Amino acid sequence: MIRNAEHRDLPIILEIMNEAIQNTTAIYDYKSRSMEFVGAWFANKQADNLPIIVYELEGKAVGYGTFGVFRAWEAYKFSVEHSIYVHVDHQGKGIGKTLLTALIEAAKKGGYHTMIGGIDAANQKSCEFHAKFGFVEAGRIKDAGYKFDRWLDLVFMQLML
């Protein structure tokens, strides 16, 4: 079931987020985040009327998705960048597909023009996943990040809404 995230979901969102930071290149960050960080992130999304949705399975959130402003300047107000993360124990079950479908619909209803995903270039599965939804590569930045003792290329994939 897809629903809007609630305060009770923040601990599992934090767990999913920190697993991605610690073990993947899906989030270009080094340090685990705190409950205070996630609480402020949640409050800011709500204040800006931006969605955070969760996929609930057996009464517990097992994945989340959101989008936010692509860049901070006013002329970018019709472009959003999305994120989707699924708990490691529930990946490969179609949860990401359901979350992305819901985010695309929310972006369309919100009057946005384009949705952008920033993806580590080595993550071919994510690039292929996005391509199935009609996202196309819009740009690539070589050596944009450094994590796990290697340079990371960043691919931007874009869907015209």
Protein backbone atom coordinates (compact mmCIF):
# COMPACT_ATOMS: atom_id res chain seq x y z
CA MET A 1 0.00 0.00 0.00
CA ILE A 2 1.22 3.48 -0.90
CA ARG A 3 0.46 6.26 1.57
CA ASN A 4 1.85 9.56 2.78
CA ALA A 5 4.67 9.22 5.27
CA GLU A 6 3.89 9.93 8.90
CA HIS A 7 6.07 10.71 11.92
CA ARG A 8 5.87 7.04 12.94
CA ASP A 9 7.71 6.14 9.71
CA LEU A 10 10.76 8.25 10.44
CA PRO A 11 12.76 5.52 12.24
CA ILE A 12 12.46 3.10 9.30
CA ILE A 13 13.12 5.90 6.80
CA LEU A 14 16.27 6.71 8.78
CA GLU A 15 17.28 3.04 8.77
CA ILE A 16 16.81 2.78 5.01
CA MET A 17 18.61 6.07 4.41
CA ASN A 18 21.58 5.12 6.59
CA GLU A 19 21.90 1.69 4.99
CA ALA A 20 22.17 3.40 1.60
CA ILE A 21 24.80 5.82 2.94
CA GLN A 22 26.88 3.12 4.62
CA ASN A 23 26.73 0.41 1.96
CA THR A 24 25.94 1.93 -1.45
CA THR A 25 26.71 4.82 -3.74
CA ALA A 26 23.01 5.71 -4.01
CA ILE A 27 23.58 8.60 -1.58
CA TYR A 28 26.81 10.53 -2.01
CA ASP A 29 27.36 11.05 1.71
CA TYR A 30 29.75 9.56 4.27
CA LYS A 31 28.16 9.88 7.70
CA SER A 32 24.98 8.31 8.97
CA ARG A 33 22.17 10.70 9.58
CA SER A 34 20.40 11.26 12.88
CA MET A 35 16.77 11.23 13.91
CA GLU A 36 17.05 15.01 14.28
CA PHE A 37 18.17 15.28 10.66
CA VAL A 38 15.28 13.13 9.40
CA GLY A 39 12.80 15.04 11.56
CA ALA A 40 13.96 18.37 10.10
CA TRP A 41 13.95 16.90 6.57
CA PHE A 42 10.38 15.67 7.09
CA ALA A 43 9.24 19.03 8.48
CA ASN A 44 10.83 20.93 5.59
CA LYS A 45 9.16 18.68 3.01
CA GLN A 46 5.79 19.22 4.70
CA ALA A 47 6.32 23.00 4.92
CA ASP A 48 7.20 23.09 1.21
CA ASN A 49 4.19 20.88 0.33
CA LEU A 50 6.46 18.22 -1.19
CA PRO A 51 5.54 14.55 -0.98
CA ILE A 52 7.15 11.82 1.04
CA ILE A 53 5.38 8.56 0.36
CA VAL A 54 5.95 5.12 1.80
CA TYR A 55 5.19 1.61 0.66
CA GLU A 56 3.59 -0.19 3.58
CA LEU A 57 3.77 -3.95 3.90
CA GLU A 58 2.16 -5.75 6.83
CA GLY A 59 1.73 -2.49 8.74
CA LYS A 60 5.33 -1.32 8.31
CA ALA A 61 6.95 1.05 5.81
CA VAL A 62 9.53 -0.85 3.73
CA GLY A 63 10.40 1.84 1.19
CA TYR A 64 9.98 5.54 0.62
CA GLY A 65 10.02 8.05 -2.18
CA THR A 66 10.07 11.80 -2.41
CA PHE A 67 10.87 14.64 -4.71
CA GLY A 68 12.10 18.14 -4.18
CA VAL A 69 13.21 21.23 -5.99
CA PHE A 70 15.90 20.40 -8.54
CA ARG A 71 17.79 23.63 -7.92
CA ALA A 72 17.09 26.49 -5.52
CA TRP A 73 16.47 29.30 -8.01
CA GLU A 74 12.94 30.33 -8.95
CA ALA A 75 13.16 29.50 -12.65
CA TYR A 76 13.65 25.82 -11.73
CA LYS A 77 10.29 25.67 -9.94
CA PHE A 78 8.80 23.32 -12.53
CA SER A 79 11.64 20.78 -12.27
CA VAL A 80 11.85 18.21 -9.49
CA GLU A 81 14.48 15.67 -8.49
CA HIS A 82 13.23 12.45 -7.00
CA SER A 83 14.61 9.79 -4.68
CA ILE A 84 13.39 6.26 -4.04
CA TYR A 85 14.83 3.86 -1.48
CA VAL A 86 13.65 0.39 -0.52
CA HIS A 87 14.71 -1.55 2.55
CA VAL A 88 17.44 -4.03 1.64
CA ASP A 89 15.23 -6.97 2.71
CA HIS A 90 12.48 -5.93 0.29
CA GLN A 91 14.36 -4.99 -2.88
CA GLY A 92 13.46 -6.70 -6.15
CA LYS A 93 9.76 -7.07 -5.27
CA GLY A 94 8.34 -4.24 -7.38
CA ILE A 95 8.18 -1.76 -4.51
CA GLY A 96 10.40 0.79 -6.27
CA LYS A 97 8.22 0.55 -9.38
CA THR A 98 5.11 1.28 -7.34
CA LEU A 99 6.79 4.20 -5.55
CA LEU A 100 8.10 5.76 -8.78
CA THR A 101 4.72 5.40 -10.46
CA ALA A 102 3.10 7.24 -7.55
CA LEU A 103 5.75 9.98 -7.57
CA ILE A 104 5.35 10.56 -11.30
CA GLU A 105 1.59 10.90 -10.84
CA ALA A 106 2.08 13.30 -7.92
CA ALA A 107 4.48 15.42 -9.98
CA LYS A 108 2.01 15.57 -12.88
CA LYS A 109 -0.82 16.55 -10.55
CA GLY A 110 1.45 19.16 -8.98
CA GLY A 111 1.96 20.82 -12.35
CA TYR A 112 5.65 20.00 -12.68
CA HIS A 113 7.21 19.85 -16.14
CA THR A 114 10.14 17.49 -15.68
CA MET A 115 11.40 14.92 -13.19
CA ILE A 116 15.10 14.29 -12.78
CA GLY A 117 17.02 11.48 -11.13
CA GLY A 118 20.67 11.78 -10.15
CA ILE A 119 22.11 8.25 -10.35
CA ASP A 120 25.58 6.85 -9.77
CA ALA A 121 26.70 5.86 -13.28
CA ALA A 122 27.89 2.45 -12.06
CA ASN A 123 24.35 1.63 -10.92
CA GLN A 124 23.18 0.15 -14.22
CA LYS A 125 20.14 -1.45 -12.59
CA SER A 126 18.85 1.97 -11.54
CA CYS A 127 19.53 3.45 -14.98
CA GLU A 128 17.68 0.56 -16.64
CA PHE A 129 14.86 0.82 -14.10
CA HIS A 130 14.39 4.51 -14.90
CA ALA A 131 14.59 3.89 -18.65
CA LYS A 132 11.58 1.54 -18.35
CA PHE A 133 9.57 4.57 -17.19
CA GLY A 134 10.72 6.71 -20.12
CA PHE A 135 13.61 8.50 -18.40
CA VAL A 136 16.49 9.30 -20.74
CA GLU A 137 20.05 10.24 -19.95
CA ALA A 138 20.26 14.03 -19.96
CA GLY A 139 23.83 14.47 -18.78
CA ARG A 140 26.80 12.89 -17.11
CA ILE A 141 29.31 14.47 -14.74
CA LYS A 142 32.60 12.64 -14.53
CA ASP A 143 34.17 12.23 -11.08
CA ALA A 144 31.35 14.17 -9.41
CA GLY A 145 31.71 12.30 -6.13
CA TYR A 146 34.26 10.30 -4.18
CA LYS A 147 33.19 7.39 -1.99
CA PHE A 148 34.57 3.98 -1.03
CA ASP A 149 38.04 5.02 -2.29
CA ARG A 150 36.95 5.69 -5.85
CA TRP A 151 35.65 8.47 -8.04
CA LEU A 152 31.99 8.32 -9.01
CA ASP A 153 30.35 9.56 -12.18
CA LEU A 154 26.88 11.05 -11.81
CA VAL A 155 24.23 10.48 -14.47
CA PHE A 156 21.18 12.69 -14.70
CA MET A 157 18.13 10.95 -16.14
CA GLN A 158 15.10 12.98 -17.07
CA LEU A 159 11.41 12.34 -17.71
CA MET A 160 9.31 15.00 -19.41
CA LEU A 161 5.99 14.98 -17.61
